[in-house]
C-alpha atoms as a PDB file:
ATOM      1  CA  MET A   1     -59.765 -88.353 -26.433  1.00  0.00           C
ATOM      2  CA  ALA A   2     -63.409 -87.277 -24.804  1.00  0.00           C
ATOM      3  CA  SER A   3     -63.852 -85.824 -21.886  1.00  0.00           C
ATOM      4  CA  SER A   4     -66.306 -86.064 -19.195  1.00  0.00           C
ATOM      5  CA  SER A   5     -66.667 -82.852 -18.188  1.00  0.00           C
ATOM      6  CA  THR A   6     -69.187 -80.007 -20.243  1.00  0.00           C
ATOM      7  CA  SER A   7     -66.221 -77.342 -20.757  1.00  0.00           C
ATOM      8  CA  PRO A   8     -64.454 -77.478 -24.229  1.00  0.00           C
ATOM      9  CA  VAL A   9     -61.366 -79.515 -24.153  1.00  0.00           C
ATOM     10  CA  VAL A  10     -58.543 -77.939 -24.632  1.00  0.00           C
ATOM     11  CA  PRO A  11     -54.883 -79.884 -25.380  1.00  0.00           C
ATOM     12  CA  SER A  12     -51.721 -77.842 -24.975  1.00  0.00           C
ATOM     13  CA  ARG A  13     -48.828 -79.627 -27.360  1.00  0.00           C
ATOM     14  CA  ARG A  14     -47.197 -80.629 -24.624  1.00  0.00           C
ATOM     15  CA  GLY A  15     -50.194 -82.039 -22.721  1.00  0.00           C
ATOM     16  CA  PHE A  16     -51.214 -83.534 -26.211  1.00  0.00           C
ATOM     17  CA  LEU A  17     -47.791 -85.732 -26.368  1.00  0.00           C
ATOM     18  CA  ARG A  18     -48.041 -86.752 -23.058  1.00  0.00           C
ATOM     19  CA  GLY A  19     -51.735 -87.988 -23.012  1.00  0.00           C
ATOM     20  CA  ARG A  20     -53.061 -85.096 -20.739  1.00  0.00           C
ATOM     21  CA  VAL A  21     -55.682 -82.562 -21.380  1.00  0.00           C
ATOM     22  CA  ARG A  22     -57.368 -79.837 -19.515  1.00  0.00           C
ATOM     23  CA  ASP A  23     -60.307 -78.760 -19.331  1.00  0.00           C
ATOM     24  CA  VAL A  24     -61.338 -74.739 -19.953  1.00  0.00           C
ATOM     25  CA  LYS A  25     -63.602 -72.756 -18.981  1.00  0.00           C
ATOM     26  CA  PRO A  26     -65.080 -71.191 -21.747  1.00  0.00           C
ATOM     27  CA  ALA A  27     -65.239 -67.019 -21.090  1.00  0.00           C
ATOM     28  CA  ARG A  28     -68.419 -65.420 -19.643  1.00  0.00           C
ATOM     29  CA  ARG A  29     -69.919 -64.081 -23.038  1.00  0.00           C
ATOM     30  CA  PRO A  30     -71.453 -60.543 -23.060  1.00  0.00           C
ATOM     31  CA  PRO A  31     -75.480 -60.388 -21.967  1.00  0.00           C
ATOM     32  CA  TRP A  32     -78.094 -62.354 -24.605  1.00  0.00           C
ATOM     33  CA  ALA A  33     -75.618 -64.431 -26.102  1.00  0.00           C
ATOM     34  CA  VAL A  34     -76.915 -67.898 -27.831  1.00  0.00           C
ATOM     35  CA  ASN A  35     -75.195 -70.940 -26.505  1.00  0.00           C
ATOM     36  CA  GLU A  36     -71.681 -71.044 -26.849  1.00  0.00           C
ATOM     37  CA  LEU A  37     -71.191 -73.504 -29.670  1.00  0.00           C
ATOM     38  CA  ALA A  38     -73.747 -71.366 -31.860  1.00  0.00           C
ATOM     39  CA  PHE A  39     -71.490 -68.125 -30.744  1.00  0.00           C
ATOM     40  CA  LEU A  40     -68.488 -69.015 -31.145  1.00  0.00           C
ATOM     41  CA  ASP A  41     -69.432 -70.104 -35.291  1.00  0.00           C
ATOM     42  CA  ARG A  42     -71.337 -66.335 -35.515  1.00  0.00           C
ATOM     43  CA  CYS A  43     -69.114 -63.937 -33.528  1.00  0.00           C
ATOM     44  CA  THR A  44     -66.427 -62.824 -36.439  1.00  0.00           C
ATOM     45  CA  ARG A  45     -64.724 -60.645 -33.657  1.00  0.00           C
ATOM     46  CA  CYS A  46     -65.495 -57.764 -35.301  1.00  0.00           C
ATOM     47  CA  ASP A  47     -65.308 -55.247 -31.894  1.00  0.00           C
ATOM     48  CA  ARG A  48     -68.572 -53.845 -32.274  1.00  0.00           C
ATOM     49  CA  CYS A  49     -70.227 -55.571 -28.794  1.00  0.00           C
ATOM     50  CA  ILE A  50     -66.744 -54.139 -27.100  1.00  0.00           C
ATOM     51  CA  ASP A  51     -66.687 -50.603 -29.061  1.00  0.00           C
ATOM     52  CA  ALA A  52     -70.555 -50.123 -28.032  1.00  0.00           C
ATOM     53  CA  CYS A  53     -70.064 -51.106 -24.109  1.00  0.00           C
ATOM     54  CA  PRO A  54     -71.029 -48.177 -21.943  1.00  0.00           C
ATOM     55  CA  THR A  55     -69.140 -48.949 -18.890  1.00  0.00           C
ATOM     56  CA  GLY A  56     -66.078 -50.669 -20.716  1.00  0.00           C
ATOM     57  CA  ILE A  57     -66.752 -54.659 -19.170  1.00  0.00           C
ATOM     58  CA  LEU A  58     -66.962 -55.900 -22.346  1.00  0.00           C
ATOM     59  CA  VAL A  59     -63.228 -56.900 -23.442  1.00  0.00           C
ATOM     60  CA  ARG A  60     -61.239 -59.568 -25.993  1.00  0.00           C
ATOM     61  CA  MET A  61     -61.000 -62.378 -24.416  1.00  0.00           C
ATOM     62  CA  ASP A  62     -59.406 -65.940 -25.787  1.00  0.00           C
ATOM     63  CA  GLY A  63     -59.222 -66.756 -29.428  1.00  0.00           C
ATOM     64  CA  GLY A  64     -60.111 -62.428 -29.768  1.00  0.00           C
ATOM     65  CA  PHE A  65     -63.654 -63.262 -28.748  1.00  0.00           C
ATOM     66  CA  PRO A  66     -65.512 -61.082 -26.854  1.00  0.00           C
ATOM     67  CA  GLY A  67     -66.152 -61.562 -23.278  1.00  0.00           C
ATOM     68  CA  VAL A  68     -67.356 -60.105 -20.183  1.00  0.00           C
ATOM     69  CA  ASP A  69     -64.482 -59.042 -16.948  1.00  0.00           C
ATOM     70  CA  PHE A  70     -66.401 -57.494 -13.976  1.00  0.00           C
ATOM     71  CA  THR A  71     -63.739 -56.122 -12.135  1.00  0.00           C
ATOM     72  CA  ARG A  72     -64.142 -53.177 -14.869  1.00  0.00           C
ATOM     73  CA  GLY A  73     -67.405 -52.689 -13.320  1.00  0.00           C
ATOM     74  CA  GLU A  74     -70.828 -53.604 -14.021  1.00  0.00           C
ATOM     75  CA  CYS A  75     -73.378 -54.323 -16.606  1.00  0.00           C
ATOM     76  CA  THR A  76     -76.163 -52.100 -16.704  1.00  0.00           C
ATOM     77  CA  PHE A  77     -77.987 -54.119 -19.428  1.00  0.00           C
ATOM     78  CA  CYS A  78     -78.656 -51.232 -21.747  1.00  0.00           C
ATOM     79  CA  ALA A  79     -78.312 -53.954 -24.877  1.00  0.00           C
ATOM     80  CA  ASP A  80     -75.837 -51.388 -26.922  1.00  0.00           C
ATOM     81  CA  CYS A  81     -73.702 -54.636 -27.200  1.00  0.00           C
ATOM     82  CA  VAL A  82     -76.675 -56.486 -28.810  1.00  0.00           C
ATOM     83  CA  THR A  83     -77.882 -53.291 -31.390  1.00  0.00           C
ATOM     84  CA  HIS A  84     -74.098 -53.334 -32.420  1.00  0.00           C
ATOM     85  CA  CYS A  85     -73.666 -57.255 -32.888  1.00  0.00           C
ATOM     86  CA  GLU A  86     -74.611 -57.761 -37.245  1.00  0.00           C
ATOM     87  CA  PRO A  87     -73.637 -61.291 -37.004  1.00  0.00           C
ATOM     88  CA  ARG A  88     -76.089 -61.753 -34.456  1.00  0.00           C
ATOM     89  CA  ALA A  89     -74.037 -63.663 -31.979  1.00  0.00           C
ATOM     90  CA  LEU A  90     -75.845 -61.528 -29.120  1.00  0.00           C
ATOM     91  CA  VAL A  91     -79.789 -61.843 -29.610  1.00  0.00           C
ATOM     92  CA  ARG A  92     -82.284 -60.323 -27.317  1.00  0.00           C
ATOM     93  CA  ALA A  93     -85.762 -62.325 -28.309  1.00  0.00           C
ATOM     94  CA  ASP A  94     -87.581 -60.046 -26.225  1.00  0.00           C
ATOM     95  CA  ALA A  95     -87.819 -57.198 -23.926  1.00  0.00           C
ATOM     96  CA  GLN A  96     -88.318 -59.876 -20.973  1.00  0.00           C
ATOM     97  CA  ALA A  97     -85.534 -62.285 -21.992  1.00  0.00           C
ATOM     98  CA  LEU A  98     -83.235 -62.883 -19.281  1.00  0.00           C
ATOM     99  CA  PRO A  99     -79.219 -61.284 -20.569  1.00  0.00           C
ATOM    100  CA  TRP A 100     -77.600 -64.348 -18.679  1.00  0.00           C
ATOM    101  CA  ALA A 101     -78.215 -67.135 -15.818  1.00  0.00           C
ATOM    102  CA  ILE A 102     -75.780 -65.819 -13.439  1.00  0.00           C
ATOM    103  CA  VAL A 103     -75.797 -64.570  -9.765  1.00  0.00           C
ATOM    104  CA  ALA A 104     -73.294 -63.583  -7.685  1.00  0.00           C
ATOM    105  CA  GLU A 105     -71.689 -65.655  -5.032  1.00  0.00           C
ATOM    106  CA  ILE A 106     -70.303 -64.657  -2.201  1.00  0.00           C
ATOM    107  CA  GLY A 107     -66.820 -66.641  -1.031  1.00  0.00           C
ATOM    108  CA  ALA A 108     -65.021 -67.699   2.095  1.00  0.00           C
ATOM    109  CA  SER A 109     -62.042 -65.073   1.643  1.00  0.00           C
ATOM    110  CA  CYS A 110     -65.113 -61.968   2.503  1.00  0.00           C
ATOM    111  CA  LEU A 111     -63.524 -60.278   5.164  1.00  0.00           C
ATOM    112  CA  ALA A 112     -67.147 -60.187   6.989  1.00  0.00           C
ATOM    113  CA  THR A 113     -66.316 -64.205   8.155  1.00  0.00           C
ATOM    114  CA  THR A 114     -62.281 -62.986   9.427  1.00  0.00           C
ATOM    115  CA  GLY A 115     -64.351 -60.569  11.551  1.00  0.00           C
ATOM    116  CA  VAL A 116     -63.743 -57.314   9.965  1.00  0.00           C
ATOM    117  CA  GLU A 117     -66.704 -54.999   9.175  1.00  0.00           C
ATOM    118  CA  CYS A 118     -66.891 -54.431   5.230  1.00  0.00           C
ATOM    119  CA  ARG A 119     -70.593 -53.751   3.133  1.00  0.00           C
ATOM    120  CA  VAL A 120     -68.318 -52.413   0.127  1.00  0.00           C
ATOM    121  CA  CYS A 121     -70.910 -55.331  -1.689  1.00  0.00           C
ATOM    122  CA  GLY A 122     -74.226 -54.587  -0.534  1.00  0.00           C
ATOM    123  CA  GLU A 123     -73.865 -50.239  -0.938  1.00  0.00           C
ATOM    124  CA  THR A 124     -72.777 -50.966  -4.686  1.00  0.00           C
ATOM    125  CA  CYS A 125     -75.836 -53.860  -5.325  1.00  0.00           C
ATOM    126  CA  PRO A 126     -78.172 -52.151  -7.296  1.00  0.00           C
ATOM    127  CA  ALA A 127     -80.763 -54.367  -7.135  1.00  0.00           C
ATOM    128  CA  SER A 128     -80.212 -54.504  -3.213  1.00  0.00           C
ATOM    129  CA  ALA A 129     -80.213 -58.583  -3.447  1.00  0.00           C
ATOM    130  CA  ILE A 130     -77.172 -58.579  -0.628  1.00  0.00           C
ATOM    131  CA  ARG A 131     -78.186 -57.618   2.928  1.00  0.00           C
ATOM    132  CA  PHE A 132     -76.019 -58.011   5.907  1.00  0.00           C
ATOM    133  CA  ARG A 133     -77.778 -59.643   8.493  1.00  0.00           C
ATOM    134  CA  PRO A 134     -76.342 -59.236  12.669  1.00  0.00           C
ATOM    135  CA  GLN A 135     -74.378 -61.763  14.482  1.00  0.00           C
ATOM    136  CA  LEU A 136     -74.325 -61.709  18.006  1.00  0.00           C
ATOM    137  CA  GLY A 137     -70.985 -60.932  19.258  1.00  0.00           C
ATOM    138  CA  GLY A 138     -69.584 -60.575  15.254  1.00  0.00           C
ATOM    139  CA  VAL A 139     -69.760 -58.400  12.656  1.00  0.00           C
ATOM    140  CA  ALA A 140     -72.756 -58.404  10.050  1.00  0.00           C
ATOM    141  CA  ARG A 141     -72.051 -61.200   7.277  1.00  0.00           C
ATOM    142  CA  PRO A 142     -73.297 -60.859   3.794  1.00  0.00           C
ATOM    143  CA  GLN A 143     -76.575 -62.933   2.731  1.00  0.00           C
ATOM    144  CA  LEU A 144     -76.938 -62.807  -1.058  1.00  0.00           C
ATOM    145  CA  ASP A 145     -81.034 -62.974  -1.980  1.00  0.00           C
ATOM    146  CA  ALA A 146     -80.082 -65.097  -5.507  1.00  0.00           C
ATOM    147  CA  THR A 147     -83.456 -64.337  -6.501  1.00  0.00           C
ATOM    148  CA  GLN A 148     -83.172 -60.611  -6.718  1.00  0.00           C
ATOM    149  CA  CYS A 149     -79.569 -60.866  -7.597  1.00  0.00           C
ATOM    150  CA  THR A 150     -79.893 -59.617 -11.667  1.00  0.00           C
ATOM    151  CA  GLY A 151     -76.045 -60.632 -12.631  1.00  0.00           C
ATOM    152  CA  CYS A 152     -75.320 -57.326 -12.794  1.00  0.00           C
ATOM    153  CA  GLY A 153     -70.881 -57.499 -11.182  1.00  0.00           C
ATOM    154  CA  ALA A 154     -71.673 -54.367  -9.432  1.00  0.00           C
ATOM    155  CA  CYS A 155     -70.317 -55.983  -6.276  1.00  0.00           C
ATOM    156  CA  ILE A 156     -67.254 -57.481  -8.081  1.00  0.00           C
ATOM    157  CA  ALA A 157     -65.119 -54.758  -8.576  1.00  0.00           C
ATOM    158  CA  PRO A 158     -65.244 -52.946  -4.989  1.00  0.00           C
ATOM    159  CA  CYS A 159     -64.963 -56.140  -3.214  1.00  0.00           C
ATOM    160  CA  PRO A 160     -61.545 -55.395  -1.264  1.00  0.00           C
ATOM    161  CA  ALA A 161     -60.882 -59.052  -0.274  1.00  0.00           C
ATOM    162  CA  ARG A 162     -62.265 -60.329  -4.108  1.00  0.00           C
ATOM    163  CA  ALA A 163     -64.506 -62.728  -2.645  1.00  0.00           C
ATOM    164  CA  ILE A 164     -67.127 -62.659  -5.242  1.00  0.00           C
ATOM    165  CA  ALA A 165     -67.684 -64.858  -8.271  1.00  0.00           C
ATOM    166  CA  MET A 166     -70.272 -65.318 -10.705  1.00  0.00           C
ATOM    167  CA  GLN A 167     -71.618 -68.585 -10.712  1.00  0.00           C
ATOM    168  CA  SER A 168     -74.223 -70.043 -12.842  1.00  0.00           C
ATOM    169  CA  THR A 169     -78.012 -70.248 -11.647  1.00  0.00           C
ATOM    170  CA  ASP A 170     -77.908 -73.752 -12.895  1.00  0.00           C
ATOM    171  CA  ASN A 171     -75.394 -74.903 -10.399  1.00  0.00           C
ATOM    172  CA  LEU A 172     -77.930 -73.439  -7.425  1.00  0.00           C
ATOM    173  CA  PRO A 173     -79.976 -75.997  -5.119  1.00  0.00           C
ATOM    174  CA  THR A 174     -83.831 -75.325  -5.093  1.00  0.00           C
ATOM    175  CA  GLU A 175     -84.202 -74.404  -1.982  1.00  0.00           C
ATOM    176  CA  ARG A 176     -82.034 -71.329  -0.596  1.00  0.00           C
ATOM    177  CA  GLU A 177     -81.952 -71.645   3.329  1.00  0.00           C
ATOM    178  CA  THR A 178     -82.619 -68.180   5.138  1.00  0.00           C
END
């Protein structure tokens, strides 16, 4: 049974017997991970990248493969995970290579949209990609500059409303409104 989605299809036993399958999004892989199929083929699940991560954001995910959990902190792009990856599932081709193609996305549950003053995400963003635009008669609202966002995840854990998630830059429109 094929899926029209690009995510892998993982059937549960009950779902398979009933003819239903569910799409499962792949875990957010460590920075500089090769494409998903090559990653799954190369990664030996040795945990060296997890042990090498100074911020502790790399954790064991489904199947024992490493993934990123931004609720634990941010990525400093130190590349320690890459240097400790012997099977070369993480490869940094050159110093200019981007670690991944993700940026933060501020959701509708942001406290500022409900009239509560909060600027935690902007204060924790090391790239200054989140700024606050004043609103006449209301609280300032966050505005993300996707071109400045590195995808480090520093804004995710401190957000009291859990309103920030990461999205692929492939999904972004070519021109952002200001």
